[in-house]
Amino acid sequence: MLQLYAVPQFPEGVIFQQDAAPPHDGNVVREFLDTTFPQRWIGRGAVMAWPPLSPDVTPLDFYLW
């Protein structure tokens, strides 16, 4: 669905960000993201890592991350 409907609508050079849901962390998903958004996606296993999953994330985590 992402490949057919969403990706064609994205502007050139978009940085894709996904949440840390377990289904989004599969090898097939990461291969697709590496191919479609090379060096431009945020999530588990990406060059741009997802911030720590913590309920006590501070404002500095948002500013400096």
Protein backbone atom coordinates (compact mmCIF):
# COMPACT_ATOMS: atom_id res chain seq x y z
CA MET A 1 0.00 0.00 0.00
CA LEU A 2 2.81 2.40 0.88
CA GLN A 3 4.61 1.58 -2.35
CA LEU A 4 1.53 1.95 -4.56
CA TYR A 5 -0.25 4.96 -3.07
CA ALA A 6 1.90 6.99 -0.70
CA VAL A 7 5.42 6.93 -2.15
CA PRO A 8 4.42 8.36 -5.55
CA GLN A 9 2.91 11.37 -3.72
CA PHE A 10 6.04 12.16 -1.68
CA PRO A 11 8.23 15.06 -2.80
CA GLU A 12 11.80 14.37 -3.88
CA GLY A 13 14.20 13.94 -0.97
CA VAL A 14 11.54 13.31 1.69
CA ILE A 15 12.73 11.76 4.97
CA PHE A 16 10.41 8.92 5.99
CA GLN A 17 9.78 8.30 9.69
CA GLN A 18 8.01 5.28 11.13
CA ASP A 19 7.12 4.19 14.63
CA ALA A 20 8.70 1.30 16.48
CA ALA A 21 5.86 -1.20 16.00
CA PRO A 22 7.25 -4.74 15.60
CA PRO A 23 5.65 -5.30 12.15
CA HIS A 24 7.56 -2.26 10.87
CA ASP A 25 10.88 -3.83 11.80
CA GLY A 26 10.90 -6.84 9.47
CA ASN A 27 13.70 -7.50 6.99
CA VAL A 28 11.37 -7.00 4.03
CA VAL A 29 10.26 -3.62 5.37
CA ARG A 30 13.82 -2.45 6.04
CA GLU A 31 14.95 -3.57 2.56
CA PHE A 32 12.05 -1.66 0.99
CA LEU A 33 12.88 1.48 2.98
CA ASP A 34 16.60 1.20 2.17
CA THR A 35 15.74 0.97 -1.52
CA THR A 36 13.00 3.60 -1.60
CA PHE A 37 14.50 6.09 0.87
CA PRO A 38 18.27 5.47 0.82
CA GLN A 39 19.84 7.10 3.90
CA ARG A 40 16.54 9.00 4.41
CA TRP A 41 14.37 7.02 6.81
CA ILE A 42 14.08 7.06 10.59
CA GLY A 43 13.30 3.89 12.52
CA ARG A 44 14.80 0.73 13.99
CA GLY A 45 17.80 -0.45 11.99
CA ALA A 46 18.07 2.80 10.04
CA VAL A 47 21.03 5.13 9.65
CA MET A 48 18.89 7.73 11.45
CA ALA A 49 17.97 5.87 14.64
CA TRP A 50 14.70 6.21 16.50
CA PRO A 51 15.07 7.87 19.93
CA PRO A 52 14.89 5.68 23.04
CA LEU A 53 11.42 4.45 23.93
CA SER A 54 11.06 6.11 27.28
CA PRO A 55 8.11 7.79 28.98
CA ASP A 56 10.47 10.38 30.44
CA VAL A 57 11.85 11.88 27.23
CA THR A 58 13.00 15.40 28.02
CA PRO A 59 12.69 18.52 25.84
CA LEU A 60 16.42 18.24 25.15
CA ASP A 61 15.79 14.86 23.53
CA PHE A 62 13.55 16.62 21.01
CA TYR A 63 15.83 19.62 20.53
CA LEU A 64 19.19 17.85 20.33
CA TRP A 65 18.01 14.69 18.66
